Amino acid sequence: MIEDPRNYALLIEFDGGCFFGYQSQKQSPTVQEEIEKALEVLLKKQTRIWGAGRTDTGVHARGMIVNFKTNSPIPNLSKFLLGMNALTDRGLAIHEITEVPLNFNSQFSCTAREYEYLLVNARFPRPVWKNRAFWYQHRIDVSRLREELELLKGEHDFRSLAKATSMRNRRSTTRVIYDASLLESEEEPGLLRLRIKANGFLHNMVRILTGTLFEIAIEKRKETNILKILSSKDRTIAGITLPPYGLYFLKAYYDSYPEIDRMYQSRKEFGGVPR
C-alpha cells in the first residue's frame, strides 16, 4: 500500500569549513549530500532535499531550513532526529524536525533571509575566532558603519555588489533590505555582528557589501557612501570581497508557515540561534 506523500522541514546548523558549500557536487563533501545520504539510510530510498540557501564553501549556517518529501510517514520524529544526527558529519547538526504542508518548499516559499558577518576589531588576533570571524587590528568607525547601514534599508539595485560572473543570467539585481544593523558584543570585546535581512541576495552580495562598508568605516573611502556605490552599478567601484569564514546564514523567514517559526522558537528556548 502506497502512503500519501508527507513533507518534513529540518532546522540545521553547520560549520562551513567542513564542507564545499551547500549544493551537491562531484567528489566533494557538501551539506546537501550529507543530509541526503542519511535520509537514504533511514527512509531506505533516495530522497532529495531543498534548502533555504545555497551557501558557498566556508560559509557557516546557524539556522537554515531544508525540507524533503517522502511516502514513508515518520511515526517518531524524536527518534528520527537522533538517527539523522548519528548518521551525519560532526560539522553538521539537525536541531529540529516538523511536518509541514505539501506545498511548502524551503527555497521558493521563503519570504526573507537573514545573514550575519562577524568582524573582530582588536589590536591582537583572537585565536578562538580564527576561521570564524574577520580580524582587523586598526580602528573601525562604528558610528559611520551604522550610518551606512541605515542608508541600505529599502529597495536598491545591487548590481555593483555582486560577483561579476553571476550577472550573465540577466536576472533582476534589485533587492529589498528589510533590516540592517550592527551589534557590539558585550561578552566578546571587539566582536562586531553585522546583520542583513532581505527578500533575497545575489551571489557574494553579503561578503562584497560587508567588504565595501568595512572600507568606508576604516576611512579608505572618505569621499563616498554606499548609495553612491549602488548607483554606479559597477562592481569595480565597490570594495573587497571579505572571506567566507566570517559569514553565517542566520535565519529563513516564511510568512505563511508558522510551523517554521515554532522550530526556531523551540531551539531558542534551549540556547540556540541568538537574536
Protein backbone atom coordinates (compact mmCIF):
# COMPACT_ATOMS: atom_id res chain seq x y z
CA MET A 1 0.00 0.00 0.00
CA ILE A 2 1.37 3.38 -1.06
CA GLU A 3 1.05 6.03 1.60
CA ASP A 4 0.13 9.63 0.86
CA PRO A 5 3.19 11.88 0.49
CA ARG A 6 4.41 13.79 3.54
CA ASN A 7 6.56 16.90 3.71
CA TYR A 8 9.05 17.50 6.53
CA ALA A 9 11.21 20.51 7.38
CA LEU A 10 14.54 20.39 9.23
CA LEU A 11 16.32 23.16 11.13
CA ILE A 12 20.06 22.67 10.60
CA GLU A 13 23.36 24.20 11.67
CA PHE A 14 26.75 23.57 10.07
CA ASP A 15 30.40 24.51 10.11
CA GLY A 16 31.21 25.76 6.61
CA GLY A 17 34.85 24.73 7.00
CA CYS A 18 33.79 21.08 6.89
CA PHE A 19 32.04 21.28 3.52
CA PHE A 20 32.46 22.55 -0.02
CA GLY A 21 29.30 24.59 0.24
CA TYR A 22 25.66 23.54 0.48
CA GLN A 23 24.85 22.24 -3.00
CA SER A 24 25.86 18.74 -4.15
CA GLN A 25 28.88 18.45 -6.42
CA LYS A 26 31.11 15.65 -7.65
CA GLN A 27 33.86 14.31 -5.37
CA SER A 28 33.49 16.97 -2.67
CA PRO A 29 31.53 16.73 0.61
CA THR A 30 28.58 19.12 0.77
CA VAL A 31 25.77 19.77 3.23
CA GLN A 32 23.10 18.57 0.78
CA GLU A 33 24.95 15.35 0.08
CA GLU A 34 25.47 14.66 3.80
CA ILE A 35 21.79 15.04 4.65
CA GLU A 36 20.56 13.09 1.62
CA LYS A 37 22.86 10.16 2.47
CA ALA A 38 21.41 10.00 5.99
CA LEU A 39 17.85 10.18 4.67
CA GLU A 40 18.54 7.31 2.25
CA VAL A 41 19.63 5.11 5.16
CA LEU A 42 16.63 5.96 7.35
CA LEU A 43 13.95 6.02 4.64
CA LYS A 44 15.55 3.25 2.54
CA LYS A 45 15.10 5.35 -0.59
CA GLN A 46 16.97 8.16 -2.35
CA THR A 47 15.43 11.39 -1.12
CA ARG A 48 16.10 14.89 -2.39
CA ILE A 49 16.16 17.93 -0.11
CA TRP A 50 15.53 21.60 -0.85
CA GLY A 51 17.38 24.28 1.10
CA ALA A 52 16.63 27.89 2.00
CA GLY A 53 20.07 28.99 0.76
CA ARG A 54 22.98 27.77 -1.36
CA THR A 55 25.97 28.78 0.71
CA ASP A 56 29.49 28.81 -0.74
CA THR A 57 32.48 26.88 0.53
CA GLY A 58 33.46 28.08 4.00
CA VAL A 59 30.19 29.87 4.80
CA HIS A 60 28.52 28.71 8.01
CA ALA A 61 24.86 28.36 8.99
CA ARG A 62 23.35 28.73 12.43
CA GLY A 63 19.73 28.32 11.41
CA MET A 64 18.99 27.09 7.87
CA ILE A 65 15.79 25.33 6.83
CA VAL A 66 15.68 22.36 4.46
CA ASN A 67 12.75 20.14 3.54
CA PHE A 68 12.13 16.74 1.97
CA LYS A 69 9.11 14.75 0.82
CA THR A 70 8.51 11.06 1.42
CA ASN A 71 5.78 8.45 1.03
CA SER A 72 7.04 6.83 4.24
CA PRO A 73 5.43 8.53 7.25
CA ILE A 74 7.76 9.08 10.20
CA PRO A 75 5.96 7.79 13.32
CA ASN A 76 8.51 9.07 15.86
CA LEU A 77 10.11 12.40 14.95
CA SER A 78 12.37 12.49 18.02
CA LYS A 79 13.84 9.08 17.22
CA PHE A 80 14.25 10.07 13.57
CA LEU A 81 16.11 13.24 14.63
CA LEU A 82 18.53 11.18 16.72
CA GLY A 83 19.14 8.89 13.75
CA MET A 84 19.84 11.81 11.43
CA ASN A 85 22.43 13.24 13.78
CA ALA A 86 24.07 9.85 14.28
CA LEU A 87 24.47 9.43 10.52
CA THR A 88 25.81 12.87 9.62
CA ASP A 89 29.22 14.51 9.91
CA ARG A 90 30.09 16.22 13.20
CA GLY A 91 30.28 19.52 11.33
CA LEU A 92 26.51 19.32 10.80
CA ALA A 93 23.65 19.19 13.31
CA ILE A 94 19.92 18.76 12.73
CA HIS A 95 18.22 20.53 15.63
CA GLU A 96 14.51 20.25 14.85
CA ILE A 97 12.09 18.41 12.55
CA THR A 98 8.42 19.11 11.88
CA GLU A 99 5.81 18.13 9.34
CA VAL A 100 4.76 20.95 7.00
CA PRO A 101 2.10 21.32 4.28
CA LEU A 102 2.85 19.64 0.96
CA ASN A 103 3.12 22.99 -0.83
CA PHE A 104 5.96 24.14 1.44
CA ASN A 105 9.37 24.49 -0.23
CA SER A 106 12.35 25.76 1.76
CA GLN A 107 13.69 27.73 -1.19
CA PHE A 108 10.62 29.02 -3.00
CA SER A 109 8.34 29.60 0.00
CA CYS A 110 10.95 31.72 1.73
CA THR A 111 9.95 35.40 2.08
CA ALA A 112 13.18 36.71 3.63
CA ARG A 113 16.65 35.56 4.60
CA GLU A 114 18.97 36.92 7.25
CA TYR A 115 22.76 36.73 7.23
CA GLU A 116 25.35 37.83 9.74
CA TYR A 117 29.01 38.75 9.20
CA LEU A 118 31.39 38.69 12.16
CA LEU A 119 34.35 41.07 12.49
CA VAL A 120 36.87 41.20 15.32
CA ASN A 121 38.26 44.70 15.78
CA ALA A 122 41.15 44.23 18.20
CA ARG A 123 44.83 45.09 18.47
CA PHE A 124 45.86 41.44 18.54
CA PRO A 125 44.32 38.35 16.92
CA ARG A 126 41.68 36.38 18.80
CA PRO A 127 42.67 32.73 18.27
CA VAL A 128 39.25 31.41 19.35
CA TRP A 129 37.71 33.29 16.42
CA LYS A 130 40.19 32.05 13.81
CA ASN A 131 38.21 30.95 10.72
CA ARG A 132 35.07 32.21 12.47
CA ALA A 133 35.40 35.99 12.12
CA PHE A 134 37.41 38.52 10.08
CA TRP A 135 40.11 40.17 12.21
CA TYR A 136 41.15 43.82 11.70
CA GLN A 137 43.63 45.41 14.10
CA HIS A 138 43.13 49.11 13.32
CA ARG A 139 40.22 51.35 14.29
CA ILE A 140 36.82 50.82 12.68
CA ASP A 141 34.45 53.78 12.83
CA VAL A 142 31.40 52.04 14.29
CA SER A 143 29.22 55.17 14.10
CA ARG A 144 29.93 55.57 10.38
CA LEU A 145 29.21 51.90 9.83
CA ARG A 146 25.80 52.28 11.46
CA GLU A 147 25.04 55.36 9.33
CA GLU A 148 25.80 53.42 6.16
CA LEU A 149 23.62 50.51 7.27
CA GLU A 150 20.67 52.89 7.69
CA LEU A 151 21.14 54.06 4.09
CA LEU A 152 20.83 50.47 2.89
CA LYS A 153 17.27 49.95 4.08
CA GLY A 154 14.72 49.80 1.29
CA GLU A 155 14.80 48.76 -2.36
CA HIS A 156 18.04 49.12 -4.34
CA ASP A 157 19.80 47.73 -7.40
CA PHE A 158 22.74 45.68 -6.09
CA ARG A 159 24.50 45.08 -9.41
CA SER A 160 27.67 46.73 -8.10
CA LEU A 161 27.72 44.44 -5.06
CA ALA A 162 27.52 41.03 -6.74
CA LYS A 163 30.03 38.66 -8.26
CA ALA A 164 30.54 39.80 -11.86
CA THR A 165 30.17 36.31 -13.38
CA SER A 166 26.73 35.91 -11.76
CA MET A 167 25.36 38.81 -13.85
CA ARG A 168 25.37 36.76 -17.05
CA ASN A 169 21.92 35.26 -16.45
CA ARG A 170 20.32 38.73 -16.78
CA ARG A 171 18.05 38.23 -13.80
CA SER A 172 16.89 41.18 -11.74
CA THR A 173 19.55 42.64 -9.43
CA THR A 174 17.03 44.61 -7.38
CA ARG A 175 16.55 43.51 -3.77
CA VAL A 176 14.75 44.90 -0.71
CA ILE A 177 16.68 45.29 2.53
CA TYR A 178 14.23 44.94 5.42
CA ASP A 179 16.73 45.45 8.19
CA ALA A 180 20.46 46.18 8.58
CA SER A 181 22.12 46.55 11.95
CA LEU A 182 25.39 46.35 13.83
CA LEU A 183 25.63 44.70 17.24
CA GLU A 184 28.61 45.05 19.56
CA SER A 185 29.13 42.00 21.74
CA GLU A 186 29.19 42.61 25.48
CA GLU A 187 30.79 39.23 26.20
CA GLU A 188 33.48 39.34 23.49
CA PRO A 189 35.43 42.65 23.38
CA GLY A 190 35.84 43.90 19.82
CA LEU A 191 33.40 41.43 18.26
CA LEU A 192 31.02 43.13 15.79
CA ARG A 193 27.96 41.41 14.34
CA LEU A 194 26.71 42.93 11.09
CA ARG A 195 23.23 41.62 10.25
CA ILE A 196 21.34 41.98 6.98
CA LYS A 197 17.76 40.82 6.35
CA ALA A 198 16.42 40.97 2.78
CA ASN A 199 13.97 39.40 0.38
CA GLY A 200 16.92 37.82 -1.42
CA PHE A 201 20.65 38.05 -2.08
CA LEU A 202 22.86 37.94 -5.17
CA HIS A 203 25.96 35.75 -5.38
CA ASN A 204 28.60 37.00 -2.89
CA MET A 205 26.42 40.04 -2.18
CA VAL A 206 26.78 39.98 1.61
CA ARG A 207 30.56 39.48 1.51
CA ILE A 208 31.04 42.29 -1.03
CA LEU A 209 28.60 44.54 0.79
CA THR A 210 30.36 43.98 4.12
CA GLY A 211 33.75 44.50 2.49
CA THR A 212 32.58 47.78 0.99
CA LEU A 213 31.09 49.00 4.27
CA PHE A 214 34.28 47.94 6.02
CA GLU A 215 36.41 50.07 3.67
CA ILE A 216 34.13 53.05 4.27
CA ALA A 217 34.30 52.53 8.05
CA ILE A 218 38.12 52.50 8.09
CA GLU A 219 38.10 55.74 6.06
CA LYS A 220 39.64 54.13 3.00
CA ARG A 221 36.73 55.63 1.03
CA LYS A 222 36.21 59.08 2.58
CA GLU A 223 34.51 60.72 -0.39
CA THR A 224 31.71 58.25 -0.98
CA ASN A 225 28.89 56.32 0.68
CA ILE A 226 27.06 53.09 -0.03
CA LEU A 227 24.28 54.79 -2.03
CA LYS A 228 26.77 56.32 -4.48
CA ILE A 229 28.37 52.92 -4.95
CA LEU A 230 24.99 51.29 -5.56
CA SER A 231 24.01 53.94 -8.10
CA SER A 232 27.21 53.32 -10.08
CA LYS A 233 26.09 49.73 -10.91
CA ASP A 234 29.80 48.98 -11.33
CA ARG A 235 31.44 46.16 -9.38
CA THR A 236 34.89 47.76 -9.79
CA ILE A 237 33.73 50.78 -7.77
CA ALA A 238 32.78 48.65 -4.75
CA GLY A 239 35.10 47.21 -2.10
CA ILE A 240 36.77 43.89 -1.43
CA THR A 241 35.02 40.55 -1.02
CA LEU A 242 35.55 39.54 2.59
CA PRO A 243 36.46 35.87 3.24
CA PRO A 244 33.65 33.32 3.61
CA TYR A 245 34.55 32.12 7.09
CA GLY A 246 33.07 35.25 8.71
CA LEU A 247 29.65 34.77 7.08
CA TYR A 248 26.70 32.96 8.69
CA PHE A 249 23.26 32.08 7.37
CA LEU A 250 21.24 33.10 10.40
CA LYS A 251 17.55 32.58 9.66
CA ALA A 252 14.99 31.96 6.91
CA TYR A 253 11.53 33.57 7.15
CA TYR A 254 8.21 32.10 5.96
CA ASP A 255 5.19 34.38 6.35
CA SER A 256 2.62 31.65 5.66
CA TYR A 257 4.16 28.80 7.65
CA PRO A 258 4.08 29.31 11.45
CA GLU A 259 5.46 25.77 11.87
CA ILE A 260 8.89 27.07 10.89
CA ASP A 261 8.83 29.92 13.38
CA ARG A 262 7.92 27.43 16.10
CA MET A 263 11.04 25.42 15.24
CA TYR A 264 13.25 28.47 15.63
CA GLN A 265 11.48 29.38 18.86
CA SER A 266 11.90 25.88 20.25
CA ARG A 267 15.63 25.96 19.63
CA LYS A 268 15.93 29.46 21.07
CA GLU A 269 14.38 28.26 24.32
CA PHE A 270 17.24 25.78 24.68
CA GLY A 271 20.02 28.28 23.99
CA GLY A 272 20.06 28.08 20.19
CA VAL A 273 20.01 30.74 17.50
CA PRO A 274 20.79 34.06 19.22
CA ARG A 275 18.61 37.08 18.42
